[in-house]
Amino acid sequence: MAMTLRCDRAPAWAQLQSSFDTAGRQFDVRHAFVDDAGRFERFSQEAPYVLPTCRRT
């Protein structure tokens, strides 16, 4: 059986946790969109030839 690495045990996890504790905990995405009317346009992309699949395997 292959061993899998849990993301919370990966070396980068401590850095991600520290970043979240510093800035992410106070971040509210709802307020970010209310405070910045152009946020959606700047962070959105169009992908006309990318089609989602809803098939279960």
C-alpha atoms as a PDB file:
ATOM      1  CA  MET A   1       0.000   0.000   0.000  1.00  0.00           C
ATOM      2  CA  ALA A   2       1.398   3.384  -1.003  1.00  0.00           C
ATOM      3  CA  MET A   3       1.947   5.959   1.696  1.00  0.00           C
ATOM      4  CA  THR A   4       0.234   9.294   1.219  1.00  0.00           C
ATOM      5  CA  LEU A   5       1.345  12.570   2.701  1.00  0.00           C
ATOM      6  CA  ARG A   6      -1.311  14.546   4.489  1.00  0.00           C
ATOM      7  CA  CYS A   7      -1.269  18.204   3.543  1.00  0.00           C
ATOM      8  CA  ASP A   8      -1.194  19.295   7.182  1.00  0.00           C
ATOM      9  CA  ARG A   9       2.028  17.356   7.640  1.00  0.00           C
ATOM     10  CA  ALA A  10       3.779  18.772   4.564  1.00  0.00           C
ATOM     11  CA  PRO A  11       6.761  21.066   5.147  1.00  0.00           C
ATOM     12  CA  ALA A  12       4.966  24.105   3.700  1.00  0.00           C
ATOM     13  CA  TRP A  13       2.011  23.732   6.051  1.00  0.00           C
ATOM     14  CA  ALA A  14       3.626  25.691   8.882  1.00  0.00           C
ATOM     15  CA  GLN A  15       4.215  28.624   6.527  1.00  0.00           C
ATOM     16  CA  LEU A  16       0.619  28.507   5.326  1.00  0.00           C
ATOM     17  CA  GLN A  17      -0.647  28.344   8.904  1.00  0.00           C
ATOM     18  CA  SER A  18       1.521  31.300   9.903  1.00  0.00           C
ATOM     19  CA  SER A  19       0.262  33.338   6.950  1.00  0.00           C
ATOM     20  CA  PHE A  20      -3.327  32.507   7.850  1.00  0.00           C
ATOM     21  CA  ASP A  21      -2.780  33.422  11.492  1.00  0.00           C
ATOM     22  CA  THR A  22      -1.196  36.741  10.483  1.00  0.00           C
ATOM     23  CA  ALA A  23      -3.565  37.951   7.768  1.00  0.00           C
ATOM     24  CA  GLY A  24      -6.055  35.303   6.729  1.00  0.00           C
ATOM     25  CA  ARG A  25      -8.021  34.953   9.933  1.00  0.00           C
ATOM     26  CA  GLN A  26      -9.339  38.519   9.633  1.00  0.00           C
ATOM     27  CA  PHE A  27      -9.972  38.314   5.858  1.00  0.00           C
ATOM     28  CA  ASP A  28     -13.630  38.180   4.820  1.00  0.00           C
ATOM     29  CA  VAL A  29     -14.100  37.587   1.100  1.00  0.00           C
ATOM     30  CA  ARG A  30     -17.590  39.095   1.220  1.00  0.00           C
ATOM     31  CA  HIS A  31     -16.189  42.391   2.471  1.00  0.00           C
ATOM     32  CA  ALA A  32     -13.388  42.245  -0.099  1.00  0.00           C
ATOM     33  CA  PHE A  33     -15.943  42.185  -2.936  1.00  0.00           C
ATOM     34  CA  VAL A  34     -18.098  44.896  -1.363  1.00  0.00           C
ATOM     35  CA  ASP A  35     -15.090  47.149  -0.778  1.00  0.00           C
ATOM     36  CA  ASP A  36     -13.636  46.643  -4.269  1.00  0.00           C
ATOM     37  CA  ALA A  37     -16.118  46.766  -7.141  1.00  0.00           C
ATOM     38  CA  GLY A  38     -13.499  45.681  -9.714  1.00  0.00           C
ATOM     39  CA  ARG A  39     -12.304  42.627  -7.781  1.00  0.00           C
ATOM     40  CA  PHE A  40     -14.355  40.106  -9.747  1.00  0.00           C
ATOM     41  CA  GLU A  41     -13.122  41.378 -13.111  1.00  0.00           C
ATOM     42  CA  ARG A  42      -9.461  41.368 -12.019  1.00  0.00           C
ATOM     43  CA  PHE A  43      -9.519  37.874 -10.560  1.00  0.00           C
ATOM     44  CA  SER A  44     -11.763  36.214 -13.167  1.00  0.00           C
ATOM     45  CA  GLN A  45     -10.759  34.427 -16.333  1.00  0.00           C
ATOM     46  CA  GLU A  46     -12.685  33.271 -19.340  1.00  0.00           C
ATOM     47  CA  ALA A  47     -12.227  29.733 -20.582  1.00  0.00           C
ATOM     48  CA  PRO A  48     -14.757  29.245 -23.398  1.00  0.00           C
ATOM     49  CA  TYR A  49     -13.446  25.801 -24.397  1.00  0.00           C
ATOM     50  CA  VAL A  50     -13.254  24.370 -20.888  1.00  0.00           C
ATOM     51  CA  LEU A  51     -16.334  22.322 -20.166  1.00  0.00           C
ATOM     52  CA  PRO A  52     -17.097  20.824 -16.755  1.00  0.00           C
ATOM     53  CA  THR A  53     -17.984  17.206 -16.475  1.00  0.00           C
ATOM     54  CA  CYS A  54     -20.564  16.045 -13.984  1.00  0.00           C
ATOM     55  CA  ARG A  55     -19.907  12.354 -14.566  1.00  0.00           C
ATOM     56  CA  ARG A  56     -19.244  10.144 -11.591  1.00  0.00           C
ATOM     57  CA  THR A  57     -16.669   7.438 -11.944  1.00  0.00           C
END
